[in-house]
Amino acid sequence: MLTIGDKFPSFKVKATVSTDLKSAFSEIDENTYGGKWKVYFFWPKDFTFICPTEIAAFGKLNGEFEDRDAVVLGGSTDSEFVHHAWRVHKEELNDLPFPMLADVSHALCNALGILHKEEGVALRATFIVDPDNIIRHVSVNDLDVGRNPQEIIRILDALQTDELCPCNWQKGEDTLKVA
């Protein structure tokens, strides 16, 4: 699995960006959001149980990510058409403000090292990537455990200080100073 300090891999995927079929799909690559912080989060499968709770939670916090000059990109190994159908039929996903990446070839998940060995689906992985496409944070949860998007914001805040941040540090609190 790629880790802290590694360059986020080059990729090109189709993404579902809306429920309107006329403008539902877009092509996205590693340079689409150049100069921005990126939060990539992956889930195992569309039309499941835990995944929509996480996706909707990231969607509700999207403005907070934007306030930090960061873009959220979610994805799985499902196709852009499956993502579209899920967005249309799952009310809390109708108005998602971020793209759903379709890694149907598994190329991106393989490059990241996040394919589940037995299931062949994306692990529940999150990557915070800086404007130079360097991975600054990685976390992976078991398939049965959802993640906390608010904690991803806290970590992004800490990374953006470029200073030493103690345990449970929150934006606005003092950072550590080396004596």
C-alpha atoms as a PDB file:
ATOM      1  CA  MET A   1       0.000   0.000   0.000  1.00  0.00           C
ATOM      2  CA  LEU A   2       1.242   3.488  -0.796  1.00  0.00           C
ATOM      3  CA  THR A   3       1.972   5.546   2.278  1.00  0.00           C
ATOM      4  CA  ILE A   4       3.034   8.922   3.629  1.00  0.00           C
ATOM      5  CA  GLY A   5       5.496  10.705   1.348  1.00  0.00           C
ATOM      6  CA  ASP A   6       4.644   8.643  -1.745  1.00  0.00           C
ATOM      7  CA  LYS A   7       3.431  10.374  -4.881  1.00  0.00           C
ATOM      8  CA  PHE A   8      -0.250   9.707  -5.553  1.00  0.00           C
ATOM      9  CA  PRO A   9      -0.327   7.559  -8.711  1.00  0.00           C
ATOM     10  CA  SER A  10      -1.269   8.787 -12.150  1.00  0.00           C
ATOM     11  CA  PHE A  11      -4.779   7.742 -13.118  1.00  0.00           C
ATOM     12  CA  LYS A  12      -7.631   8.486 -15.492  1.00  0.00           C
ATOM     13  CA  VAL A  13     -11.155   7.343 -14.656  1.00  0.00           C
ATOM     14  CA  LYS A  14     -14.745   8.116 -15.493  1.00  0.00           C
ATOM     15  CA  ALA A  15     -16.634   9.796 -12.690  1.00  0.00           C
ATOM     16  CA  THR A  16     -20.268  10.378 -11.929  1.00  0.00           C
ATOM     17  CA  VAL A  17     -20.783  14.049 -11.136  1.00  0.00           C
ATOM     18  CA  SER A  18     -24.569  14.485 -11.231  1.00  0.00           C
ATOM     19  CA  THR A  19     -27.889  12.687 -11.649  1.00  0.00           C
ATOM     20  CA  ASP A  20     -28.716  14.501 -14.918  1.00  0.00           C
ATOM     21  CA  LEU A  21     -27.840  12.039 -17.686  1.00  0.00           C
ATOM     22  CA  LYS A  22     -26.885  14.892 -20.048  1.00  0.00           C
ATOM     23  CA  SER A  23     -24.038  15.947 -17.749  1.00  0.00           C
ATOM     24  CA  ALA A  24     -23.676  12.968 -15.410  1.00  0.00           C
ATOM     25  CA  PHE A  25     -20.205  11.802 -16.405  1.00  0.00           C
ATOM     26  CA  SER A  26     -16.776  13.358 -16.548  1.00  0.00           C
ATOM     27  CA  GLU A  27     -13.217  12.150 -16.953  1.00  0.00           C
ATOM     28  CA  ILE A  28     -10.921  12.843 -14.011  1.00  0.00           C
ATOM     29  CA  ASP A  29      -7.194  12.334 -13.607  1.00  0.00           C
ATOM     30  CA  GLU A  30      -4.554  13.163 -11.014  1.00  0.00           C
ATOM     31  CA  ASN A  31      -4.180  16.698 -12.427  1.00  0.00           C
ATOM     32  CA  THR A  32      -7.866  17.662 -12.576  1.00  0.00           C
ATOM     33  CA  TYR A  33      -7.661  19.520  -9.284  1.00  0.00           C
ATOM     34  CA  GLY A  34      -4.101  20.802  -9.574  1.00  0.00           C
ATOM     35  CA  GLY A  35      -2.893  23.077  -6.798  1.00  0.00           C
ATOM     36  CA  LYS A  36      -5.517  21.862  -4.309  1.00  0.00           C
ATOM     37  CA  TRP A  37      -5.484  19.509  -1.366  1.00  0.00           C
ATOM     38  CA  LYS A  38      -7.387  16.322  -2.216  1.00  0.00           C
ATOM     39  CA  VAL A  39      -9.204  13.854  -0.004  1.00  0.00           C
ATOM     40  CA  TYR A  40      -9.686  10.553  -1.794  1.00  0.00           C
ATOM     41  CA  PHE A  41     -11.895   8.042  -0.040  1.00  0.00           C
ATOM     42  CA  PHE A  42     -12.800   4.596  -1.306  1.00  0.00           C
ATOM     43  CA  TRP A  43     -15.586   2.215  -0.380  1.00  0.00           C
ATOM     44  CA  PRO A  44     -16.134  -1.469  -1.226  1.00  0.00           C
ATOM     45  CA  LYS A  45     -19.415  -1.538  -3.184  1.00  0.00           C
ATOM     46  CA  ASP A  46     -22.329   0.615  -4.204  1.00  0.00           C
ATOM     47  CA  PHE A  47     -25.831  -0.370  -3.055  1.00  0.00           C
ATOM     48  CA  THR A  48     -24.570  -1.552   0.334  1.00  0.00           C
ATOM     49  CA  PHE A  49     -25.193  -0.487   3.909  1.00  0.00           C
ATOM     50  CA  ILE A  50     -22.228   1.312   5.503  1.00  0.00           C
ATOM     51  CA  CYS A  51     -20.999   3.018   2.335  1.00  0.00           C
ATOM     52  CA  PRO A  52     -23.904   5.467   1.860  1.00  0.00           C
ATOM     53  CA  THR A  53     -23.617   6.628   5.474  1.00  0.00           C
ATOM     54  CA  GLU A  54     -19.992   7.623   4.855  1.00  0.00           C
ATOM     55  CA  ILE A  55     -20.623   9.127   1.421  1.00  0.00           C
ATOM     56  CA  ALA A  56     -23.531  11.241   2.696  1.00  0.00           C
ATOM     57  CA  ALA A  57     -21.433  12.364   5.703  1.00  0.00           C
ATOM     58  CA  PHE A  58     -18.595  13.501   3.413  1.00  0.00           C
ATOM     59  CA  GLY A  59     -21.191  15.272   1.252  1.00  0.00           C
ATOM     60  CA  LYS A  60     -22.624  17.167   4.242  1.00  0.00           C
ATOM     61  CA  LEU A  61     -19.122  18.348   5.165  1.00  0.00           C
ATOM     62  CA  ASN A  62     -18.082  19.266   1.625  1.00  0.00           C
ATOM     63  CA  GLY A  63     -18.267  22.999   2.357  1.00  0.00           C
ATOM     64  CA  GLU A  64     -15.831  22.552   5.232  1.00  0.00           C
ATOM     65  CA  PHE A  65     -13.382  20.826   2.892  1.00  0.00           C
ATOM     66  CA  GLU A  66     -13.825  23.604   0.320  1.00  0.00           C
ATOM     67  CA  ASP A  67     -13.122  26.182   3.053  1.00  0.00           C
ATOM     68  CA  ARG A  68      -9.744  24.459   3.425  1.00  0.00           C
ATOM     69  CA  ASP A  69      -9.030  24.592  -0.329  1.00  0.00           C
ATOM     70  CA  ALA A  70      -9.551  20.833  -0.525  1.00  0.00           C
ATOM     71  CA  VAL A  71     -11.634  18.720  -2.885  1.00  0.00           C
ATOM     72  CA  VAL A  72     -13.276  15.444  -1.953  1.00  0.00           C
ATOM     73  CA  LEU A  73     -13.220  12.556  -4.407  1.00  0.00           C
ATOM     74  CA  GLY A  74     -14.969   9.297  -3.558  1.00  0.00           C
ATOM     75  CA  GLY A  75     -14.652   6.058  -5.441  1.00  0.00           C
ATOM     76  CA  SER A  76     -15.038   2.338  -5.749  1.00  0.00           C
ATOM     77  CA  THR A  77     -14.497  -0.344  -8.364  1.00  0.00           C
ATOM     78  CA  ASP A  78     -18.113   0.003  -9.527  1.00  0.00           C
ATOM     79  CA  SER A  79     -18.825   1.609 -12.916  1.00  0.00           C
ATOM     80  CA  GLU A  80     -19.940   5.178 -13.467  1.00  0.00           C
ATOM     81  CA  PHE A  81     -23.352   3.783 -14.470  1.00  0.00           C
ATOM     82  CA  VAL A  82     -23.729   1.920 -11.168  1.00  0.00           C
ATOM     83  CA  HIS A  83     -22.697   5.105  -9.328  1.00  0.00           C
ATOM     84  CA  HIS A  84     -25.309   7.038 -11.312  1.00  0.00           C
ATOM     85  CA  ALA A  85     -28.069   4.539 -10.548  1.00  0.00           C
ATOM     86  CA  TRP A  86     -27.174   4.626  -6.863  1.00  0.00           C
ATOM     87  CA  ARG A  87     -27.195   8.422  -6.766  1.00  0.00           C
ATOM     88  CA  VAL A  88     -30.588   8.484  -8.480  1.00  0.00           C
ATOM     89  CA  HIS A  89     -32.180   5.846  -6.242  1.00  0.00           C
ATOM     90  CA  LYS A  90     -30.619   6.667  -2.851  1.00  0.00           C
ATOM     91  CA  GLU A  91     -32.082   9.958  -1.633  1.00  0.00           C
ATOM     92  CA  GLU A  92     -29.117  10.986   0.538  1.00  0.00           C
ATOM     93  CA  LEU A  93     -26.819  10.625  -2.497  1.00  0.00           C
ATOM     94  CA  ASN A  94     -28.951  12.612  -4.997  1.00  0.00           C
ATOM     95  CA  ASP A  95     -27.139  15.920  -4.576  1.00  0.00           C
ATOM     96  CA  LEU A  96     -23.587  14.840  -3.808  1.00  0.00           C
ATOM     97  CA  PRO A  97     -21.231  17.782  -4.321  1.00  0.00           C
ATOM     98  CA  PHE A  98     -18.215  15.658  -5.291  1.00  0.00           C
ATOM     99  CA  PRO A  99     -17.397  13.146  -8.037  1.00  0.00           C
ATOM    100  CA  MET A 100     -17.761   9.395  -7.601  1.00  0.00           C
ATOM    101  CA  LEU A 101     -14.732   7.788  -9.267  1.00  0.00           C
ATOM    102  CA  ALA A 102     -15.305   4.573 -11.227  1.00  0.00           C
ATOM    103  CA  ASP A 103     -12.180   2.414 -11.045  1.00  0.00           C
ATOM    104  CA  VAL A 104     -13.656  -0.463 -13.055  1.00  0.00           C
ATOM    105  CA  SER A 105     -10.236  -1.598 -14.296  1.00  0.00           C
ATOM    106  CA  HIS A 106      -8.967  -1.646 -10.684  1.00  0.00           C
ATOM    107  CA  ALA A 107      -5.875   0.202 -11.945  1.00  0.00           C
ATOM    108  CA  LEU A 108      -6.051   2.999  -9.363  1.00  0.00           C
ATOM    109  CA  CYS A 109      -6.898   0.700  -6.449  1.00  0.00           C
ATOM    110  CA  ASN A 110      -4.077  -1.651  -7.484  1.00  0.00           C
ATOM    111  CA  ALA A 111      -1.610   1.244  -7.753  1.00  0.00           C
ATOM    112  CA  LEU A 112      -2.649   2.402  -4.261  1.00  0.00           C
ATOM    113  CA  GLY A 113      -2.517  -1.159  -2.909  1.00  0.00           C
ATOM    114  CA  ILE A 114      -6.061  -1.046  -1.526  1.00  0.00           C
ATOM    115  CA  LEU A 115      -7.803  -3.994  -3.185  1.00  0.00           C
ATOM    116  CA  HIS A 116      -9.190  -6.500  -0.694  1.00  0.00           C
ATOM    117  CA  LYS A 117      -7.300  -9.763  -1.255  1.00  0.00           C
ATOM    118  CA  GLU A 118     -10.326 -12.083  -1.245  1.00  0.00           C
ATOM    119  CA  GLU A 119     -13.198  -9.817  -2.294  1.00  0.00           C
ATOM    120  CA  GLY A 120     -11.414  -7.875  -5.068  1.00  0.00           C
ATOM    121  CA  VAL A 121     -13.118  -4.630  -3.999  1.00  0.00           C
ATOM    122  CA  ALA A 122     -11.642  -1.398  -2.677  1.00  0.00           C
ATOM    123  CA  LEU A 123     -10.812  -1.326   0.992  1.00  0.00           C
ATOM    124  CA  ARG A 124     -12.384   1.458   3.063  1.00  0.00           C
ATOM    125  CA  ALA A 125      -9.290   3.661   2.523  1.00  0.00           C
ATOM    126  CA  THR A 126      -8.752   7.407   2.839  1.00  0.00           C
ATOM    127  CA  PHE A 127      -5.842   9.435   1.458  1.00  0.00           C
ATOM    128  CA  ILE A 128      -5.138  13.110   2.104  1.00  0.00           C
ATOM    129  CA  VAL A 129      -2.964  14.389  -0.741  1.00  0.00           C
ATOM    130  CA  ASP A 130      -1.243  17.776  -0.783  1.00  0.00           C
ATOM    131  CA  PRO A 131      -1.236  20.211  -3.744  1.00  0.00           C
ATOM    132  CA  ASP A 132       1.957  18.563  -5.057  1.00  0.00           C
ATOM    133  CA  ASN A 133       0.169  15.160  -5.173  1.00  0.00           C
ATOM    134  CA  ILE A 134       2.175  13.828  -2.216  1.00  0.00           C
ATOM    135  CA  ILE A 135       0.296  11.542   0.178  1.00  0.00           C
ATOM    136  CA  ARG A 136       0.244  13.134   3.638  1.00  0.00           C
ATOM    137  CA  HIS A 137      -2.246  10.839   5.415  1.00  0.00           C
ATOM    138  CA  VAL A 138      -3.509   7.283   4.918  1.00  0.00           C
ATOM    139  CA  SER A 139      -6.103   5.377   6.901  1.00  0.00           C
ATOM    140  CA  VAL A 140      -7.862   2.108   6.194  1.00  0.00           C
ATOM    141  CA  ASN A 141     -10.826   0.637   8.036  1.00  0.00           C
ATOM    142  CA  ASP A 142     -12.098  -2.914   8.059  1.00  0.00           C
ATOM    143  CA  LEU A 143     -14.874  -3.448   5.521  1.00  0.00           C
ATOM    144  CA  ASP A 144     -17.421  -3.585   8.361  1.00  0.00           C
ATOM    145  CA  VAL A 145     -16.442  -0.280  10.041  1.00  0.00           C
ATOM    146  CA  GLY A 146     -17.282   3.173   8.731  1.00  0.00           C
ATOM    147  CA  ARG A 147     -14.867   6.075   9.045  1.00  0.00           C
ATOM    148  CA  ASN A 148     -15.307   9.509  10.603  1.00  0.00           C
ATOM    149  CA  PRO A 149     -15.156  12.350   8.015  1.00  0.00           C
ATOM    150  CA  GLN A 150     -14.934  14.927  10.833  1.00  0.00           C
ATOM    151  CA  GLU A 151     -11.632  13.316  11.882  1.00  0.00           C
ATOM    152  CA  ILE A 152     -10.385  13.650   8.282  1.00  0.00           C
ATOM    153  CA  ILE A 153     -11.094  17.401   8.511  1.00  0.00           C
ATOM    154  CA  ARG A 154      -9.187  17.576  11.816  1.00  0.00           C
ATOM    155  CA  ILE A 155      -6.189  15.814  10.250  1.00  0.00           C
ATOM    156  CA  LEU A 156      -6.352  18.071   7.174  1.00  0.00           C
ATOM    157  CA  ASP A 157      -6.372  21.120   9.454  1.00  0.00           C
ATOM    158  CA  ALA A 158      -3.322  19.801  11.299  1.00  0.00           C
ATOM    159  CA  LEU A 159      -1.451  19.026   8.077  1.00  0.00           C
ATOM    160  CA  GLN A 160      -2.166  22.486   6.719  1.00  0.00           C
ATOM    161  CA  THR A 161      -0.552  24.154   9.759  1.00  0.00           C
ATOM    162  CA  ASP A 162       2.800  22.632   8.750  1.00  0.00           C
ATOM    163  CA  GLU A 163       3.565  22.600  12.495  1.00  0.00           C
ATOM    164  CA  LEU A 164       3.663  20.061  15.328  1.00  0.00           C
ATOM    165  CA  CYS A 165       0.118  19.246  16.439  1.00  0.00           C
ATOM    166  CA  PRO A 166      -0.467  17.312  19.677  1.00  0.00           C
ATOM    167  CA  CYS A 167      -2.953  14.525  20.272  1.00  0.00           C
ATOM    168  CA  ASN A 168      -6.579  15.637  19.781  1.00  0.00           C
ATOM    169  CA  TRP A 169      -5.442  19.024  18.461  1.00  0.00           C
ATOM    170  CA  GLN A 170      -8.262  21.134  17.000  1.00  0.00           C
ATOM    171  CA  LYS A 171      -8.066  24.054  14.574  1.00  0.00           C
ATOM    172  CA  GLY A 172      -7.400  27.279  16.469  1.00  0.00           C
ATOM    173  CA  GLU A 173      -5.567  25.599  19.334  1.00  0.00           C
ATOM    174  CA  ASP A 174      -1.871  26.148  19.962  1.00  0.00           C
ATOM    175  CA  THR A 175       0.582  23.938  18.165  1.00  0.00           C
ATOM    176  CA  LEU A 176       3.711  22.604  19.879  1.00  0.00           C
ATOM    177  CA  LYS A 177       6.842  24.686  19.916  1.00  0.00           C
ATOM    178  CA  VAL A 178      10.282  23.103  20.070  1.00  0.00           C
ATOM    179  CA  ALA A 179      12.234  24.660  22.932  1.00  0.00           C
END
